[in-house]
Amino acid sequence: MKIIPAIDLIEGNVVRLVKGDPKNKIIYSNDPVDVAKKFQDEGADMLHIVDLDAALSTGWNDNKNNEYIVSKILNSVHIPIQASGGLRSVDLINNMLKKGAKKIIVGTMAYKDPKTIRQLSIDNPRKIIVSIDQINDMVMIDGWKKPSGFRVTEAIKLFMLNGIHEFLLTSVDRDGTLSGPNLSMLLYAVNIPNTKIIASGGISNISDIIKVKNIGCSSVILGKALYDGKISIKQAKAVA
């Protein structure tokens, strides 16, 4: 199982949100490139970079400040990067791939235009991941603010028909809370044949990492637990 630290960006800072709420954030660093290098040096398999300003449409990123930071990170580390947050057009996605992102996480756009996701998956095999951001089995879009109308399994099966087999499953109500992963929901998704499920939301300790590995998740995103020193990448790698 891959260990993937998250680097969430708001106004150029590395932050963690609680349950996706920008009003409830902690700033951990004003140097995202340094954080990325640190995680690489500690043995991370990959980095998960999220432009929260773009995802939440805060307006701060209109001058593409975070995009510049992501580009700097891509040029500063050699481990793969999956980029996420506000990538809601083919041009934005292709631009990020050209800059060197290994994979792209697509959320809102996927639910509004599944046919385009199908074409993206054809043009970029194994590079497109669809995010399943769920609250009580309802998939949320537009920065976790609106229900998509899809249940988790409905969404996964829809996108599998459109050529997607890798999904980032985030339990929004647990994200940034250290309350433990939603194992029943993850198991529900893992049991759908021919899927790769990345676990996200609520990871708090090494035991949680072992649990998501044992149910069959392909990767796990580490956020607040890593930043708060409750888990180290070395410890996570040892059980992955």
C-alpha atoms as a PDB file:
ATOM      1  CA  MET A   1       0.000   0.000   0.000  1.00  0.00           C
ATOM      2  CA  LYS A   2       1.296   3.455  -0.917  1.00  0.00           C
ATOM      3  CA  ILE A   3       1.813   6.117   1.728  1.00  0.00           C
ATOM      4  CA  ILE A   4       0.785   9.512   0.339  1.00  0.00           C
ATOM      5  CA  PRO A   5       1.111  12.702   2.422  1.00  0.00           C
ATOM      6  CA  ALA A   6      -1.287  15.523   1.593  1.00  0.00           C
ATOM      7  CA  ILE A   7      -0.188  19.094   0.969  1.00  0.00           C
ATOM      8  CA  ASP A   8      -3.294  21.291   1.029  1.00  0.00           C
ATOM      9  CA  LEU A   9      -2.814  24.884  -0.127  1.00  0.00           C
ATOM     10  CA  ILE A  10      -4.727  28.001   0.883  1.00  0.00           C
ATOM     11  CA  GLU A  11      -3.259  31.403  -0.022  1.00  0.00           C
ATOM     12  CA  GLY A  12       0.108  29.770  -0.574  1.00  0.00           C
ATOM     13  CA  ASN A  13       0.217  28.168   2.876  1.00  0.00           C
ATOM     14  CA  VAL A  14       0.145  24.491   3.829  1.00  0.00           C
ATOM     15  CA  VAL A  15      -3.035  23.980   5.841  1.00  0.00           C
ATOM     16  CA  ARG A  16      -5.360  21.347   7.226  1.00  0.00           C
ATOM     17  CA  LEU A  17      -9.109  21.883   7.332  1.00  0.00           C
ATOM     18  CA  VAL A  18     -11.581  20.229   9.663  1.00  0.00           C
ATOM     19  CA  LYS A  19     -14.398  18.587   7.675  1.00  0.00           C
ATOM     20  CA  GLY A  20     -13.518  20.686   4.635  1.00  0.00           C
ATOM     21  CA  ASP A  21     -14.439  23.974   6.333  1.00  0.00           C
ATOM     22  CA  PRO A  22     -12.085  26.839   5.299  1.00  0.00           C
ATOM     23  CA  LYS A  23     -13.121  28.761   8.413  1.00  0.00           C
ATOM     24  CA  ASN A  24     -11.725  25.936  10.521  1.00  0.00           C
ATOM     25  CA  LYS A  25      -8.135  25.658   9.351  1.00  0.00           C
ATOM     26  CA  ILE A  26      -4.669  25.340  10.829  1.00  0.00           C
ATOM     27  CA  ILE A  27      -1.664  26.757   8.977  1.00  0.00           C
ATOM     28  CA  TYR A  28       1.319  24.412   9.271  1.00  0.00           C
ATOM     29  CA  SER A  29       3.830  26.073   6.941  1.00  0.00           C
ATOM     30  CA  ASN A  30       4.281  28.996   4.580  1.00  0.00           C
ATOM     31  CA  ASP A  31       6.794  27.023   2.497  1.00  0.00           C
ATOM     32  CA  PRO A  32       5.031  24.222   0.586  1.00  0.00           C
ATOM     33  CA  VAL A  33       8.141  23.357  -1.427  1.00  0.00           C
ATOM     34  CA  ASP A  34      10.101  22.720   1.763  1.00  0.00           C
ATOM     35  CA  VAL A  35       7.274  20.529   3.094  1.00  0.00           C
ATOM     36  CA  ALA A  36       7.253  18.528  -0.150  1.00  0.00           C
ATOM     37  CA  LYS A  37      11.018  17.984   0.006  1.00  0.00           C
ATOM     38  CA  LYS A  38      10.755  16.925   3.652  1.00  0.00           C
ATOM     39  CA  PHE A  39       8.092  14.322   2.876  1.00  0.00           C
ATOM     40  CA  GLN A  40      10.160  13.026  -0.037  1.00  0.00           C
ATOM     41  CA  ASP A  41      13.244  12.718   2.166  1.00  0.00           C
ATOM     42  CA  GLU A  42      11.209  10.823   4.767  1.00  0.00           C
ATOM     43  CA  GLY A  43      10.221   8.191   2.202  1.00  0.00           C
ATOM     44  CA  ALA A  44       6.775   9.138   0.899  1.00  0.00           C
ATOM     45  CA  ASP A  45       5.704   7.091  -2.117  1.00  0.00           C
ATOM     46  CA  MET A  46       3.840  10.007  -3.672  1.00  0.00           C
ATOM     47  CA  LEU A  47       2.492  13.465  -2.802  1.00  0.00           C
ATOM     48  CA  HIS A  48      -1.159  14.509  -2.851  1.00  0.00           C
ATOM     49  CA  ILE A  49      -1.335  18.248  -3.581  1.00  0.00           C
ATOM     50  CA  VAL A  50      -4.671  20.031  -3.253  1.00  0.00           C
ATOM     51  CA  ASP A  51      -5.325  23.607  -4.379  1.00  0.00           C
ATOM     52  CA  LEU A  52      -8.081  24.415  -1.915  1.00  0.00           C
ATOM     53  CA  ASP A  53      -8.462  27.984  -3.169  1.00  0.00           C
ATOM     54  CA  ALA A  54      -9.391  26.601  -6.585  1.00  0.00           C
ATOM     55  CA  ALA A  55     -11.549  23.824  -5.126  1.00  0.00           C
ATOM     56  CA  LEU A  56     -13.463  26.221  -2.878  1.00  0.00           C
ATOM     57  CA  SER A  57     -13.513  29.085  -5.420  1.00  0.00           C
ATOM     58  CA  THR A  58     -12.157  31.555  -2.855  1.00  0.00           C
ATOM     59  CA  GLY A  59     -10.939  33.924  -5.568  1.00  0.00           C
ATOM     60  CA  TRP A  60      -7.428  34.107  -4.118  1.00  0.00           C
ATOM     61  CA  ASN A  61      -6.076  31.921  -6.875  1.00  0.00           C
ATOM     62  CA  ASP A  62      -7.307  34.108  -9.743  1.00  0.00           C
ATOM     63  CA  ASN A  63      -3.705  35.155 -10.359  1.00  0.00           C
ATOM     64  CA  LYS A  64      -2.640  31.495 -10.316  1.00  0.00           C
ATOM     65  CA  ASN A  65      -0.457  31.784  -7.207  1.00  0.00           C
ATOM     66  CA  ASN A  66      -1.084  28.225  -6.069  1.00  0.00           C
ATOM     67  CA  GLU A  67      -0.582  26.949  -9.611  1.00  0.00           C
ATOM     68  CA  TYR A  68       2.877  28.511  -9.515  1.00  0.00           C
ATOM     69  CA  ILE A  69       3.582  26.811  -6.183  1.00  0.00           C
ATOM     70  CA  VAL A  70       2.470  23.425  -7.525  1.00  0.00           C
ATOM     71  CA  SER A  71       4.786  23.939 -10.505  1.00  0.00           C
ATOM     72  CA  LYS A  72       7.662  24.693  -8.121  1.00  0.00           C
ATOM     73  CA  ILE A  73       6.964  21.512  -6.174  1.00  0.00           C
ATOM     74  CA  LEU A  74       6.851  19.476  -9.397  1.00  0.00           C
ATOM     75  CA  ASN A  75      10.267  20.862 -10.291  1.00  0.00           C
ATOM     76  CA  SER A  76      11.703  20.301  -6.806  1.00  0.00           C
ATOM     77  CA  VAL A  77      10.928  16.641  -6.083  1.00  0.00           C
ATOM     78  CA  HIS A  78      11.361  13.416  -8.024  1.00  0.00           C
ATOM     79  CA  ILE A  79       8.619  11.314  -6.429  1.00  0.00           C
ATOM     80  CA  PRO A  80       5.255  11.226  -8.252  1.00  0.00           C
ATOM     81  CA  ILE A  81       2.611  13.845  -7.558  1.00  0.00           C
ATOM     82  CA  GLN A  82      -1.142  13.599  -7.855  1.00  0.00           C
ATOM     83  CA  ALA A  83      -2.743  17.015  -8.284  1.00  0.00           C
ATOM     84  CA  SER A  84      -6.205  17.944  -7.084  1.00  0.00           C
ATOM     85  CA  GLY A  85      -8.481  20.883  -6.450  1.00  0.00           C
ATOM     86  CA  GLY A  86     -10.487  22.924  -8.916  1.00  0.00           C
ATOM     87  CA  LEU A  87      -9.310  21.059 -12.014  1.00  0.00           C
ATOM     88  CA  ARG A  88     -12.640  21.477 -13.768  1.00  0.00           C
ATOM     89  CA  SER A  89     -11.681  21.740 -17.439  1.00  0.00           C
ATOM     90  CA  VAL A  90      -9.786  19.609 -19.939  1.00  0.00           C
ATOM     91  CA  ASP A  91      -7.312  22.449 -20.494  1.00  0.00           C
ATOM     92  CA  LEU A  92      -6.498  22.727 -16.775  1.00  0.00           C
ATOM     93  CA  ILE A  93      -6.051  18.970 -16.499  1.00  0.00           C
ATOM     94  CA  ASN A  94      -3.853  18.706 -19.587  1.00  0.00           C
ATOM     95  CA  ASN A  95      -1.796  21.679 -18.423  1.00  0.00           C
ATOM     96  CA  MET A  96      -1.136  20.029 -15.061  1.00  0.00           C
ATOM     97  CA  LEU A  97      -0.135  16.765 -16.746  1.00  0.00           C
ATOM     98  CA  LYS A  98       2.248  18.637 -19.045  1.00  0.00           C
ATOM     99  CA  LYS A  99       3.846  20.245 -15.997  1.00  0.00           C
ATOM    100  CA  GLY A 100       4.669  16.785 -14.702  1.00  0.00           C
ATOM    101  CA  ALA A 101       1.829  15.617 -12.467  1.00  0.00           C
ATOM    102  CA  LYS A 102       1.705  11.819 -12.496  1.00  0.00           C
ATOM    103  CA  LYS A 103      -2.012  11.643 -11.799  1.00  0.00           C
ATOM    104  CA  ILE A 104      -4.960  14.016 -11.677  1.00  0.00           C
ATOM    105  CA  ILE A 105      -7.811  13.867  -9.177  1.00  0.00           C
ATOM    106  CA  VAL A 106     -11.072  14.999 -10.753  1.00  0.00           C
ATOM    107  CA  GLY A 107     -14.153  15.700  -8.674  1.00  0.00           C
ATOM    108  CA  THR A 108     -16.879  18.157  -9.622  1.00  0.00           C
ATOM    109  CA  MET A 109     -16.192  18.061 -13.356  1.00  0.00           C
ATOM    110  CA  ALA A 110     -16.505  14.278 -13.437  1.00  0.00           C
ATOM    111  CA  TYR A 111     -20.051  14.333 -12.071  1.00  0.00           C
ATOM    112  CA  LYS A 112     -21.165  17.150 -14.346  1.00  0.00           C
ATOM    113  CA  ASP A 113     -19.585  15.720 -17.504  1.00  0.00           C
ATOM    114  CA  PRO A 114     -18.874  11.947 -17.304  1.00  0.00           C
ATOM    115  CA  LYS A 115     -18.356  11.659 -21.074  1.00  0.00           C
ATOM    116  CA  THR A 116     -15.406  14.054 -20.924  1.00  0.00           C
ATOM    117  CA  ILE A 117     -13.899  11.945 -18.146  1.00  0.00           C
ATOM    118  CA  ARG A 118     -14.183   8.931 -20.417  1.00  0.00           C
ATOM    119  CA  GLN A 119     -12.213  10.732 -23.130  1.00  0.00           C
ATOM    120  CA  LEU A 120      -9.632  11.917 -20.606  1.00  0.00           C
ATOM    121  CA  SER A 121      -9.143   8.351 -19.396  1.00  0.00           C
ATOM    122  CA  ILE A 122      -8.646   7.194 -22.991  1.00  0.00           C
ATOM    123  CA  ASP A 123      -6.156   9.973 -23.724  1.00  0.00           C
ATOM    124  CA  ASN A 124      -4.346   9.553 -20.381  1.00  0.00           C
ATOM    125  CA  PRO A 125      -4.465   5.875 -19.357  1.00  0.00           C
ATOM    126  CA  ARG A 126      -4.103   5.249 -15.591  1.00  0.00           C
ATOM    127  CA  LYS A 127      -3.614   8.970 -14.917  1.00  0.00           C
ATOM    128  CA  ILE A 128      -7.170  10.033 -14.053  1.00  0.00           C
ATOM    129  CA  ILE A 129      -8.588   9.363 -10.580  1.00  0.00           C
ATOM    130  CA  VAL A 130     -12.142  10.321  -9.647  1.00  0.00           C
ATOM    131  CA  SER A 131     -12.720  11.626  -6.138  1.00  0.00           C
ATOM    132  CA  ILE A 132     -15.607  10.230  -4.129  1.00  0.00           C
ATOM    133  CA  ASP A 133     -16.133  12.810  -1.376  1.00  0.00           C
ATOM    134  CA  GLN A 134     -18.960  11.387   0.683  1.00  0.00           C
ATOM    135  CA  ILE A 135     -21.117  12.319   3.646  1.00  0.00           C
ATOM    136  CA  ASN A 136     -23.557   9.593   4.771  1.00  0.00           C
ATOM    137  CA  ASP A 137     -23.077   7.798   1.431  1.00  0.00           C
ATOM    138  CA  MET A 138     -23.941  10.924  -0.613  1.00  0.00           C
ATOM    139  CA  VAL A 139     -21.173  12.130  -2.921  1.00  0.00           C
ATOM    140  CA  MET A 140     -20.504  15.862  -2.538  1.00  0.00           C
ATOM    141  CA  ILE A 141     -19.204  18.284  -5.196  1.00  0.00           C
ATOM    142  CA  ASP A 142     -18.248  21.970  -5.563  1.00  0.00           C
ATOM    143  CA  GLY A 143     -15.777  21.987  -2.698  1.00  0.00           C
ATOM    144  CA  TRP A 144     -17.845  19.526  -0.654  1.00  0.00           C
ATOM    145  CA  LYS A 145     -20.729  22.021  -0.516  1.00  0.00           C
ATOM    146  CA  LYS A 146     -23.374  20.439  -2.781  1.00  0.00           C
ATOM    147  CA  PRO A 147     -24.758  16.904  -3.128  1.00  0.00           C
ATOM    148  CA  SER A 148     -24.060  15.355  -6.524  1.00  0.00           C
ATOM    149  CA  GLY A 149     -27.153  13.157  -6.481  1.00  0.00           C
ATOM    150  CA  PHE A 150     -25.001  10.005  -6.553  1.00  0.00           C
ATOM    151  CA  ARG A 151     -24.488   7.421  -3.834  1.00  0.00           C
ATOM    152  CA  VAL A 152     -20.973   6.033  -3.481  1.00  0.00           C
ATOM    153  CA  THR A 153     -21.510   2.761  -5.325  1.00  0.00           C
ATOM    154  CA  GLU A 154     -23.577   4.485  -8.016  1.00  0.00           C
ATOM    155  CA  ALA A 155     -20.722   6.895  -8.666  1.00  0.00           C
ATOM    156  CA  ILE A 156     -18.062   4.198  -8.772  1.00  0.00           C
ATOM    157  CA  LYS A 157     -20.059   2.032 -11.168  1.00  0.00           C
ATOM    158  CA  LEU A 158     -20.830   5.024 -13.413  1.00  0.00           C
ATOM    159  CA  PHE A 159     -17.177   5.951 -13.772  1.00  0.00           C
ATOM    160  CA  MET A 160     -16.053   2.377 -14.238  1.00  0.00           C
ATOM    161  CA  LEU A 161     -18.333   2.317 -17.283  1.00  0.00           C
ATOM    162  CA  ASN A 162     -16.417   5.404 -18.423  1.00  0.00           C
ATOM    163  CA  GLY A 163     -12.994   3.812 -18.092  1.00  0.00           C
ATOM    164  CA  ILE A 164     -12.035   4.870 -14.545  1.00  0.00           C
ATOM    165  CA  HIS A 165     -10.876   2.240 -12.070  1.00  0.00           C
ATOM    166  CA  GLU A 166      -9.036   4.271  -9.408  1.00  0.00           C
ATOM    167  CA  PHE A 167     -10.942   6.323  -6.848  1.00  0.00           C
ATOM    168  CA  LEU A 168     -10.047   8.613  -3.951  1.00  0.00           C
ATOM    169  CA  LEU A 169     -12.657   7.909  -1.278  1.00  0.00           C
ATOM    170  CA  THR A 170     -12.828  10.655   1.342  1.00  0.00           C
ATOM    171  CA  SER A 171     -15.203  10.655   4.285  1.00  0.00           C
ATOM    172  CA  VAL A 172     -15.720  14.412   4.547  1.00  0.00           C
ATOM    173  CA  ASP A 173     -17.214  14.260   8.034  1.00  0.00           C
ATOM    174  CA  ARG A 174     -13.995  12.653   9.297  1.00  0.00           C
ATOM    175  CA  ASP A 175     -11.436  14.669   7.353  1.00  0.00           C
ATOM    176  CA  GLY A 176      -9.108  16.543   9.678  1.00  0.00           C
ATOM    177  CA  THR A 177     -10.768  15.108  12.787  1.00  0.00           C
ATOM    178  CA  LEU A 178      -8.410  12.231  13.719  1.00  0.00           C
ATOM    179  CA  SER A 179     -11.564  10.211  14.425  1.00  0.00           C
ATOM    180  CA  GLY A 180     -10.540   7.139  12.426  1.00  0.00           C
ATOM    181  CA  PRO A 181     -11.367   6.096   8.860  1.00  0.00           C
ATOM    182  CA  ASN A 182     -14.818   5.023   7.729  1.00  0.00           C
ATOM    183  CA  LEU A 183     -13.855   1.372   7.334  1.00  0.00           C
ATOM    184  CA  SER A 184     -17.322   0.140   6.402  1.00  0.00           C
ATOM    185  CA  MET A 185     -17.565   2.624   3.530  1.00  0.00           C
ATOM    186  CA  LEU A 186     -14.030   1.821   2.351  1.00  0.00           C
ATOM    187  CA  LEU A 187     -14.762  -1.913   2.454  1.00  0.00           C
ATOM    188  CA  TYR A 188     -17.978  -1.303   0.537  1.00  0.00           C
ATOM    189  CA  ALA A 189     -15.949   0.346  -2.252  1.00  0.00           C
ATOM    190  CA  VAL A 190     -13.019  -2.081  -2.168  1.00  0.00           C
ATOM    191  CA  ASN A 191     -15.402  -4.991  -2.698  1.00  0.00           C
ATOM    192  CA  ILE A 192     -16.514  -3.612  -6.064  1.00  0.00           C
ATOM    193  CA  PRO A 193     -14.450  -5.706  -8.537  1.00  0.00           C
ATOM    194  CA  ASN A 194     -11.597  -4.125 -10.504  1.00  0.00           C
ATOM    195  CA  THR A 195     -11.310  -0.982  -8.391  1.00  0.00           C
ATOM    196  CA  LYS A 196      -8.331   0.654  -6.695  1.00  0.00           C
ATOM    197  CA  ILE A 197      -9.408   2.628  -3.644  1.00  0.00           C
ATOM    198  CA  ILE A 198      -7.312   5.362  -2.028  1.00  0.00           C
ATOM    199  CA  ALA A 199      -8.381   5.886   1.590  1.00  0.00           C
ATOM    200  CA  SER A 200      -8.697   9.415   2.949  1.00  0.00           C
ATOM    201  CA  GLY A 201     -10.237  11.074   5.973  1.00  0.00           C
ATOM    202  CA  GLY A 202      -9.851  10.467   9.696  1.00  0.00           C
ATOM    203  CA  ILE A 203      -6.553   8.544   9.777  1.00  0.00           C
ATOM    204  CA  SER A 204      -5.191   9.069  13.289  1.00  0.00           C
ATOM    205  CA  ASN A 205      -2.600   6.391  14.078  1.00  0.00           C
ATOM    206  CA  ILE A 206      -0.664   3.376  12.847  1.00  0.00           C
ATOM    207  CA  SER A 207      -3.540   1.061  13.728  1.00  0.00           C
ATOM    208  CA  ASP A 208      -5.763   2.938  11.265  1.00  0.00           C
ATOM    209  CA  ILE A 209      -3.184   2.453   8.513  1.00  0.00           C
ATOM    210  CA  ILE A 210      -3.028  -1.281   9.200  1.00  0.00           C
ATOM    211  CA  LYS A 211      -6.822  -1.479   9.066  1.00  0.00           C
ATOM    212  CA  VAL A 212      -7.155   0.254   5.686  1.00  0.00           C
ATOM    213  CA  LYS A 213      -4.374  -1.936   4.326  1.00  0.00           C
ATOM    214  CA  ASN A 214      -6.026  -5.113   5.588  1.00  0.00           C
ATOM    215  CA  ILE A 215      -9.353  -4.332   3.924  1.00  0.00           C
ATOM    216  CA  GLY A 216      -7.592  -3.876   0.588  1.00  0.00           C
ATOM    217  CA  CYS A 217      -7.033  -0.163  -0.036  1.00  0.00           C
ATOM    218  CA  SER A 218      -4.274   0.533  -2.567  1.00  0.00           C
ATOM    219  CA  SER A 219      -3.051   3.761  -0.929  1.00  0.00           C
ATOM    220  CA  VAL A 220      -3.721   5.960   2.065  1.00  0.00           C
ATOM    221  CA  ILE A 221      -3.644   9.754   2.333  1.00  0.00           C
ATOM    222  CA  LEU A 222      -2.036  11.122   5.495  1.00  0.00           C
ATOM    223  CA  GLY A 223      -2.932  14.611   6.658  1.00  0.00           C
ATOM    224  CA  LYS A 224      -3.474  15.973  10.146  1.00  0.00           C
ATOM    225  CA  ALA A 225      -2.022  12.920  11.917  1.00  0.00           C
ATOM    226  CA  LEU A 226       1.226  13.423  10.019  1.00  0.00           C
ATOM    227  CA  TYR A 227       1.383  17.176  10.606  1.00  0.00           C
ATOM    228  CA  ASP A 228       0.554  16.797  14.295  1.00  0.00           C
ATOM    229  CA  GLY A 229       3.287  14.190  14.772  1.00  0.00           C
ATOM    230  CA  LYS A 230       0.949  11.319  15.615  1.00  0.00           C
ATOM    231  CA  ILE A 231       2.325   9.299  12.677  1.00  0.00           C
ATOM    232  CA  SER A 232       5.644   9.429  10.847  1.00  0.00           C
ATOM    233  CA  ILE A 233       6.099   8.395   7.242  1.00  0.00           C
ATOM    234  CA  LYS A 234       8.719   5.881   8.381  1.00  0.00           C
ATOM    235  CA  GLN A 235       6.254   4.261  10.790  1.00  0.00           C
ATOM    236  CA  ALA A 236       3.543   4.201   8.132  1.00  0.00           C
ATOM    237  CA  LYS A 237       5.846   2.639   5.551  1.00  0.00           C
ATOM    238  CA  ALA A 238       6.835  -0.072   8.018  1.00  0.00           C
ATOM    239  CA  VAL A 239       3.267  -1.398   8.183  1.00  0.00           C
ATOM    240  CA  ALA A 240       2.196  -0.655   4.607  1.00  0.00           C
END
